[in-house]
Amino acid sequence: MAILALLAAGCARPVAVDPPAPDADAALVCAGFVAALPEELVVGARRDVEPPSRLTAAYGDPPVAIRCGVPEPGALGGTATLVTVEGIDWLAEELTRGWLMTTVGRVAGIEIIVPDEQGPAPSVAADLAPAIRAAVPAA
């Protein structure tokens, strides 16, 4: 029983996610997006973030971090390959131990960081698609 309590407490710790600094219009859109996120994604339950922000969210363990209001990715250019998941375009960039995916062509950029242990990043992007379509219009 003590082991279960310890495991539950481990997942209860807030996840450090740096909030971006979007303009006021994008911040308003992002607050709606984060509020529309479900309590659970394919990677696990929603977690508290530190510092608390209406622009960020996290799920699972190891955590998947979500930030809304990020600028257009620097790697986006003429040779960048986009991935379309559930009708939403993403720029996918491989990290040392995971993936960084950033939406393209939305009024507010959304970024997800998916550790390798959480499986393919497009699965997380697919889970986020309904909230993105509902709250973050195409640019």
N, C-alpha and C. Protein backbone atom coordinates (compact mmCIF):
# COMPACT_ATOMS: atom_id res chain seq x y z
N MET A 1 0.82 -1.19 0.00
CA MET A 1 0.00 0.00 0.00
C MET A 1 0.87 1.26 0.00
N ALA A 2 1.96 1.25 0.77
CA ALA A 2 2.85 2.41 0.82
C ALA A 2 3.50 2.65 -0.54
N ILE A 3 3.78 1.57 -1.27
CA ILE A 3 4.40 1.72 -2.59
C ILE A 3 3.43 2.44 -3.54
N LEU A 4 2.16 2.08 -3.50
CA LEU A 4 1.18 2.74 -4.36
C LEU A 4 1.08 4.22 -4.02
N ALA A 5 1.09 4.56 -2.76
CA ALA A 5 1.02 5.97 -2.35
C ALA A 5 2.25 6.72 -2.85
N LEU A 6 3.42 6.09 -2.78
CA LEU A 6 4.64 6.73 -3.24
C LEU A 6 4.60 6.94 -4.75
N LEU A 7 4.12 5.94 -5.50
CA LEU A 7 4.02 6.10 -6.95
C LEU A 7 3.04 7.20 -7.30
N ALA A 8 1.92 7.26 -6.64
CA ALA A 8 0.94 8.32 -6.90
C ALA A 8 1.51 9.69 -6.58
N ALA A 9 2.27 9.78 -5.50
CA ALA A 9 2.88 11.06 -5.12
C ALA A 9 3.91 11.49 -6.15
N GLY A 10 4.64 10.53 -6.75
CA GLY A 10 5.64 10.85 -7.75
C GLY A 10 5.03 11.52 -8.97
N CYS A 11 3.87 11.09 -9.39
CA CYS A 11 3.20 11.67 -10.54
C CYS A 11 2.51 12.98 -10.18
N ALA A 12 2.30 13.22 -8.89
CA ALA A 12 1.58 14.41 -8.47
C ALA A 12 2.47 15.66 -8.46
N ARG A 13 3.78 15.49 -8.53
CA ARG A 13 4.67 16.66 -8.56
C ARG A 13 4.41 17.49 -9.80
N PRO A 14 4.40 18.81 -9.65
CA PRO A 14 4.22 19.66 -10.83
C PRO A 14 5.37 19.49 -11.83
N VAL A 15 5.05 19.68 -13.10
CA VAL A 15 6.02 19.58 -14.18
C VAL A 15 6.49 21.00 -14.52
N ALA A 16 7.79 21.21 -14.60
CA ALA A 16 8.33 22.52 -14.96
C ALA A 16 8.15 22.74 -16.46
N VAL A 17 7.33 23.73 -16.81
CA VAL A 17 7.10 24.10 -18.21
C VAL A 17 7.17 25.62 -18.28
N ASP A 18 8.15 26.13 -19.02
CA ASP A 18 8.30 27.58 -19.16
C ASP A 18 7.19 28.14 -20.04
N PRO A 19 6.39 29.06 -19.52
CA PRO A 19 5.35 29.65 -20.37
C PRO A 19 5.96 30.59 -21.40
N PRO A 20 5.43 30.57 -22.62
CA PRO A 20 5.90 31.52 -23.64
C PRO A 20 5.37 32.91 -23.34
N ALA A 21 5.75 33.88 -24.15
CA ALA A 21 5.31 35.27 -23.96
C ALA A 21 4.65 35.77 -25.25
N PRO A 22 3.44 35.25 -25.57
CA PRO A 22 2.77 35.70 -26.79
C PRO A 22 2.15 37.08 -26.63
N ASP A 23 1.70 37.65 -27.76
CA ASP A 23 0.97 38.91 -27.67
C ASP A 23 -0.40 38.65 -27.04
N ALA A 24 -1.12 39.70 -26.73
CA ALA A 24 -2.38 39.58 -25.99
C ALA A 24 -3.42 38.75 -26.74
N ASP A 25 -3.51 38.91 -28.07
CA ASP A 25 -4.50 38.16 -28.84
C ASP A 25 -4.20 36.66 -28.80
N ALA A 26 -2.93 36.30 -29.01
CA ALA A 26 -2.54 34.88 -28.98
C ALA A 26 -2.72 34.31 -27.57
N ALA A 27 -2.42 35.11 -26.54
CA ALA A 27 -2.58 34.64 -25.16
C ALA A 27 -4.04 34.30 -24.87
N LEU A 28 -4.96 35.10 -25.38
CA LEU A 28 -6.38 34.84 -25.19
C LEU A 28 -6.80 33.54 -25.88
N VAL A 29 -6.34 33.35 -27.10
CA VAL A 29 -6.62 32.10 -27.84
C VAL A 29 -6.03 30.91 -27.08
N CYS A 30 -4.82 31.06 -26.60
CA CYS A 30 -4.15 29.97 -25.89
C CYS A 30 -4.86 29.61 -24.58
N ALA A 31 -5.35 30.59 -23.88
CA ALA A 31 -6.09 30.31 -22.64
C ALA A 31 -7.32 29.45 -22.95
N GLY A 32 -7.98 29.73 -24.07
CA GLY A 32 -9.12 28.92 -24.49
C GLY A 32 -8.71 27.51 -24.87
N PHE A 33 -7.58 27.40 -25.55
CA PHE A 33 -7.06 26.08 -25.93
C PHE A 33 -6.71 25.25 -24.71
N VAL A 34 -5.95 25.81 -23.79
CA VAL A 34 -5.54 25.06 -22.59
C VAL A 34 -6.77 24.67 -21.76
N ALA A 35 -7.75 25.55 -21.68
CA ALA A 35 -8.97 25.23 -20.94
C ALA A 35 -9.76 24.10 -21.62
N ALA A 36 -9.63 23.97 -22.94
CA ALA A 36 -10.36 22.94 -23.69
C ALA A 36 -9.66 21.58 -23.70
N LEU A 37 -8.45 21.51 -23.17
CA LEU A 37 -7.72 20.25 -23.18
C LEU A 37 -8.41 19.21 -22.30
N PRO A 38 -8.35 17.95 -22.71
CA PRO A 38 -8.99 16.89 -21.91
C PRO A 38 -8.18 16.58 -20.65
N GLU A 39 -8.77 15.84 -19.76
CA GLU A 39 -8.09 15.42 -18.53
C GLU A 39 -7.06 14.32 -18.78
N GLU A 40 -7.18 13.64 -19.92
CA GLU A 40 -6.26 12.54 -20.22
C GLU A 40 -5.97 12.49 -21.71
N LEU A 41 -4.72 12.17 -22.03
CA LEU A 41 -4.29 11.92 -23.41
C LEU A 41 -3.79 10.48 -23.48
N VAL A 42 -3.41 10.06 -24.66
CA VAL A 42 -2.90 8.71 -24.85
C VAL A 42 -1.70 8.43 -23.93
N VAL A 43 -0.96 9.45 -23.53
CA VAL A 43 0.24 9.28 -22.70
C VAL A 43 -0.04 9.28 -21.20
N GLY A 44 -1.25 9.62 -20.80
CA GLY A 44 -1.59 9.63 -19.38
C GLY A 44 -2.41 10.83 -18.97
N ALA A 45 -2.57 10.94 -17.66
CA ALA A 45 -3.41 11.98 -17.07
C ALA A 45 -2.73 13.35 -17.09
N ARG A 46 -3.56 14.38 -17.05
CA ARG A 46 -3.07 15.75 -16.99
C ARG A 46 -2.36 15.98 -15.66
N ARG A 47 -1.30 16.77 -15.70
CA ARG A 47 -0.50 17.07 -14.52
C ARG A 47 -0.48 18.57 -14.29
N ASP A 48 -0.23 18.96 -13.04
CA ASP A 48 -0.04 20.38 -12.73
C ASP A 48 1.29 20.84 -13.32
N VAL A 49 1.34 22.12 -13.69
CA VAL A 49 2.58 22.69 -14.22
C VAL A 49 3.09 23.76 -13.26
N GLU A 50 4.38 23.97 -13.33
CA GLU A 50 5.06 24.98 -12.51
C GLU A 50 5.93 25.82 -13.41
N PRO A 51 5.80 27.11 -13.48
CA PRO A 51 4.82 27.90 -12.75
C PRO A 51 3.42 27.71 -13.34
N PRO A 52 2.39 27.89 -12.54
CA PRO A 52 1.03 27.78 -13.07
C PRO A 52 0.84 28.80 -14.20
N SER A 53 0.20 28.35 -15.29
CA SER A 53 0.02 29.23 -16.44
C SER A 53 -1.19 28.79 -17.25
N ARG A 54 -1.86 29.77 -17.85
CA ARG A 54 -2.97 29.47 -18.76
C ARG A 54 -2.46 29.17 -20.16
N LEU A 55 -1.13 29.08 -20.33
CA LEU A 55 -0.52 28.85 -21.64
C LEU A 55 0.17 27.50 -21.74
N THR A 56 0.18 26.72 -20.66
CA THR A 56 0.92 25.47 -20.66
C THR A 56 0.11 24.33 -20.05
N ALA A 57 0.53 23.12 -20.36
CA ALA A 57 -0.07 21.92 -19.79
C ALA A 57 0.96 20.80 -19.86
N ALA A 58 0.71 19.73 -19.13
CA ALA A 58 1.59 18.56 -19.16
C ALA A 58 0.74 17.33 -18.89
N TYR A 59 1.22 16.21 -19.44
CA TYR A 59 0.52 14.93 -19.30
C TYR A 59 1.53 13.81 -19.12
N GLY A 60 1.13 12.79 -18.34
CA GLY A 60 1.88 11.54 -18.27
C GLY A 60 3.17 11.60 -17.48
N ASP A 61 3.84 10.45 -17.47
CA ASP A 61 5.12 10.30 -16.78
C ASP A 61 5.96 9.28 -17.54
N PRO A 62 7.08 9.69 -18.15
CA PRO A 62 7.64 11.03 -18.15
C PRO A 62 6.70 12.00 -18.86
N PRO A 63 6.77 13.25 -18.44
CA PRO A 63 5.77 14.21 -18.92
C PRO A 63 5.94 14.64 -20.37
N VAL A 64 4.82 14.82 -21.01
CA VAL A 64 4.73 15.50 -22.30
C VAL A 64 4.36 16.94 -21.97
N ALA A 65 5.16 17.88 -22.43
CA ALA A 65 4.92 19.30 -22.16
C ALA A 65 4.24 19.94 -23.36
N ILE A 66 3.27 20.82 -23.08
CA ILE A 66 2.54 21.55 -24.11
C ILE A 66 2.64 23.04 -23.79
N ARG A 67 3.02 23.83 -24.81
CA ARG A 67 3.09 25.29 -24.66
C ARG A 67 2.33 25.92 -25.81
N CYS A 68 1.50 26.89 -25.51
CA CYS A 68 0.74 27.59 -26.54
C CYS A 68 1.16 29.05 -26.54
N GLY A 69 1.32 29.59 -27.76
CA GLY A 69 1.76 30.97 -27.90
C GLY A 69 3.22 31.08 -28.27
N VAL A 70 3.79 29.99 -28.77
CA VAL A 70 5.20 29.99 -29.16
C VAL A 70 5.33 30.62 -30.54
N PRO A 71 6.51 31.21 -30.84
CA PRO A 71 6.71 31.79 -32.16
C PRO A 71 6.87 30.70 -33.23
N GLU A 72 6.83 31.13 -34.47
CA GLU A 72 7.05 30.21 -35.58
C GLU A 72 8.43 29.56 -35.40
N PRO A 73 8.53 28.25 -35.64
CA PRO A 73 9.81 27.57 -35.43
C PRO A 73 10.92 28.10 -36.34
N GLY A 74 12.11 28.25 -35.79
CA GLY A 74 13.25 28.72 -36.56
C GLY A 74 13.62 27.76 -37.68
N ALA A 75 13.34 26.47 -37.51
CA ALA A 75 13.68 25.47 -38.52
C ALA A 75 12.72 25.46 -39.70
N LEU A 76 11.65 26.27 -39.61
CA LEU A 76 10.67 26.32 -40.69
C LEU A 76 11.26 27.11 -41.84
N GLY A 77 11.35 26.50 -42.97
CA GLY A 77 11.91 27.16 -44.14
C GLY A 77 11.50 26.43 -45.39
N GLY A 78 12.10 26.80 -46.51
CA GLY A 78 11.75 26.21 -47.79
C GLY A 78 11.96 24.72 -47.87
N THR A 79 12.88 24.17 -47.09
CA THR A 79 13.17 22.73 -47.17
C THR A 79 12.56 21.95 -46.02
N ALA A 80 11.84 22.61 -45.13
CA ALA A 80 11.24 21.92 -43.98
C ALA A 80 10.11 21.01 -44.46
N THR A 81 10.04 19.84 -43.85
CA THR A 81 8.97 18.90 -44.16
C THR A 81 7.95 18.94 -43.03
N LEU A 82 6.70 19.17 -43.39
CA LEU A 82 5.64 19.21 -42.40
C LEU A 82 4.95 17.86 -42.32
N VAL A 83 4.42 17.58 -41.15
CA VAL A 83 3.64 16.38 -40.91
C VAL A 83 2.21 16.84 -40.65
N THR A 84 1.25 16.27 -41.33
CA THR A 84 -0.15 16.63 -41.11
C THR A 84 -0.81 15.53 -40.30
N VAL A 85 -1.35 15.91 -39.14
CA VAL A 85 -2.01 14.97 -38.24
C VAL A 85 -3.43 15.48 -37.99
N GLU A 86 -4.41 14.71 -38.38
CA GLU A 86 -5.82 15.08 -38.18
C GLU A 86 -6.11 16.47 -38.75
N GLY A 87 -5.50 16.79 -39.91
CA GLY A 87 -5.76 18.05 -40.58
C GLY A 87 -4.97 19.24 -40.06
N ILE A 88 -4.06 19.02 -39.13
CA ILE A 88 -3.26 20.10 -38.55
C ILE A 88 -1.81 19.89 -38.95
N ASP A 89 -1.17 20.95 -39.46
CA ASP A 89 0.23 20.87 -39.90
C ASP A 89 1.17 21.10 -38.72
N TRP A 90 2.20 20.26 -38.64
CA TRP A 90 3.21 20.33 -37.59
C TRP A 90 4.59 20.27 -38.21
N LEU A 91 5.53 20.98 -37.63
CA LEU A 91 6.94 20.81 -37.95
C LEU A 91 7.49 19.91 -36.85
N ALA A 92 8.03 18.77 -37.23
CA ALA A 92 8.59 17.81 -36.26
C ALA A 92 10.11 17.90 -36.29
N GLU A 93 10.69 18.07 -35.11
CA GLU A 93 12.15 18.14 -34.98
C GLU A 93 12.60 17.09 -33.97
N GLU A 94 13.58 16.29 -34.38
CA GLU A 94 14.08 15.26 -33.48
C GLU A 94 15.00 15.88 -32.43
N LEU A 95 14.77 15.49 -31.18
CA LEU A 95 15.61 15.92 -30.06
C LEU A 95 16.51 14.75 -29.67
N THR A 96 17.37 14.96 -28.71
CA THR A 96 18.26 13.89 -28.26
C THR A 96 17.48 12.69 -27.74
N ARG A 97 16.41 12.94 -26.96
CA ARG A 97 15.61 11.85 -26.40
C ARG A 97 14.12 12.08 -26.58
N GLY A 98 13.73 12.45 -27.79
CA GLY A 98 12.32 12.67 -28.04
C GLY A 98 12.09 13.54 -29.25
N TRP A 99 10.92 14.17 -29.28
CA TRP A 99 10.52 14.99 -30.41
C TRP A 99 9.93 16.31 -29.96
N LEU A 100 10.17 17.33 -30.73
CA LEU A 100 9.55 18.64 -30.57
C LEU A 100 8.67 18.83 -31.80
N MET A 101 7.38 19.03 -31.58
CA MET A 101 6.46 19.27 -32.69
C MET A 101 5.80 20.63 -32.46
N THR A 102 5.76 21.45 -33.52
CA THR A 102 5.19 22.79 -33.42
C THR A 102 4.18 22.98 -34.55
N THR A 103 3.00 23.47 -34.20
CA THR A 103 2.00 23.72 -35.23
C THR A 103 2.47 24.83 -36.16
N VAL A 104 1.98 24.75 -37.38
CA VAL A 104 2.30 25.74 -38.40
C VAL A 104 0.98 26.23 -38.99
N GLY A 105 0.86 27.54 -39.20
CA GLY A 105 -0.32 28.09 -39.86
C GLY A 105 -1.51 28.31 -38.94
N ARG A 106 -1.26 28.48 -37.64
CA ARG A 106 -2.33 28.75 -36.68
C ARG A 106 -2.12 30.15 -36.11
N VAL A 107 -3.19 30.78 -35.60
CA VAL A 107 -3.06 32.13 -35.05
C VAL A 107 -2.20 32.16 -33.80
N ALA A 108 -2.02 31.02 -33.16
CA ALA A 108 -1.10 30.88 -32.02
C ALA A 108 -0.38 29.55 -32.20
N GLY A 109 0.94 29.57 -32.10
CA GLY A 109 1.72 28.35 -32.24
C GLY A 109 1.63 27.47 -31.00
N ILE A 110 1.48 26.18 -31.22
CA ILE A 110 1.44 25.20 -30.14
C ILE A 110 2.63 24.28 -30.30
N GLU A 111 3.31 24.04 -29.20
CA GLU A 111 4.50 23.20 -29.19
C GLU A 111 4.29 22.06 -28.22
N ILE A 112 4.68 20.85 -28.64
CA ILE A 112 4.66 19.71 -27.73
C ILE A 112 6.04 19.08 -27.72
N ILE A 113 6.47 18.70 -26.54
CA ILE A 113 7.74 17.98 -26.39
C ILE A 113 7.38 16.60 -25.88
N VAL A 114 7.70 15.59 -26.70
CA VAL A 114 7.31 14.22 -26.40
C VAL A 114 8.56 13.37 -26.19
N PRO A 115 8.80 12.90 -24.95
CA PRO A 115 9.95 12.03 -24.71
C PRO A 115 9.79 10.71 -25.46
N ASP A 116 10.92 10.10 -25.83
CA ASP A 116 10.90 8.81 -26.54
C ASP A 116 10.04 7.77 -25.83
N GLU A 117 10.06 7.77 -24.49
CA GLU A 117 9.32 6.77 -23.72
C GLU A 117 7.81 6.89 -23.90
N GLN A 118 7.34 8.00 -24.42
CA GLN A 118 5.90 8.21 -24.58
C GLN A 118 5.40 7.84 -25.97
N GLY A 119 6.24 7.16 -26.73
CA GLY A 119 5.78 6.66 -28.02
C GLY A 119 5.81 7.71 -29.10
N PRO A 120 5.18 7.41 -30.22
CA PRO A 120 5.26 8.33 -31.35
C PRO A 120 4.55 9.66 -31.07
N ALA A 121 5.25 10.74 -31.35
CA ALA A 121 4.71 12.08 -31.12
C ALA A 121 3.41 12.34 -31.89
N PRO A 122 3.23 11.81 -33.12
CA PRO A 122 1.95 12.06 -33.80
C PRO A 122 0.73 11.53 -33.04
N SER A 123 0.90 10.54 -32.17
CA SER A 123 -0.23 10.07 -31.36
C SER A 123 -0.70 11.16 -30.42
N VAL A 124 0.24 11.89 -29.82
CA VAL A 124 -0.11 13.00 -28.93
C VAL A 124 -0.76 14.11 -29.76
N ALA A 125 -0.17 14.40 -30.92
CA ALA A 125 -0.73 15.45 -31.79
C ALA A 125 -2.17 15.11 -32.18
N ALA A 126 -2.45 13.84 -32.43
CA ALA A 126 -3.82 13.43 -32.78
C ALA A 126 -4.77 13.65 -31.61
N ASP A 127 -4.31 13.37 -30.39
CA ASP A 127 -5.15 13.60 -29.21
C ASP A 127 -5.47 15.08 -29.01
N LEU A 128 -4.54 15.95 -29.42
CA LEU A 128 -4.73 17.40 -29.24
C LEU A 128 -5.56 18.03 -30.35
N ALA A 129 -5.73 17.34 -31.46
CA ALA A 129 -6.39 17.91 -32.62
C ALA A 129 -7.78 18.47 -32.33
N PRO A 130 -8.65 17.79 -31.59
CA PRO A 130 -9.98 18.38 -31.35
C PRO A 130 -9.91 19.73 -30.62
N ALA A 131 -9.04 19.85 -29.61
CA ALA A 131 -8.91 21.10 -28.88
C ALA A 131 -8.30 22.19 -29.75
N ILE A 132 -7.36 21.82 -30.60
CA ILE A 132 -6.75 22.81 -31.51
C ILE A 132 -7.80 23.32 -32.49
N ARG A 133 -8.54 22.40 -33.11
CA ARG A 133 -9.57 22.82 -34.07
C ARG A 133 -10.62 23.69 -33.42
N ALA A 134 -10.97 23.39 -32.17
CA ALA A 134 -12.03 24.14 -31.47
C ALA A 134 -11.58 25.53 -31.01
N ALA A 135 -10.31 25.68 -30.68
CA ALA A 135 -9.89 26.92 -30.01
C ALA A 135 -8.83 27.74 -30.74
N VAL A 136 -8.09 27.12 -31.68
CA VAL A 136 -6.96 27.83 -32.31
C VAL A 136 -7.17 27.82 -33.83
N PRO A 137 -7.79 28.87 -34.36
CA PRO A 137 -8.09 28.90 -35.78
C PRO A 137 -6.83 28.97 -36.65
N ALA A 138 -7.00 28.56 -37.89
CA ALA A 138 -5.92 28.70 -38.86
C ALA A 138 -5.66 30.18 -39.10
N ALA A 139 -4.40 30.49 -39.39
CA ALA A 139 -4.01 31.89 -39.62
C ALA A 139 -4.48 32.35 -40.98
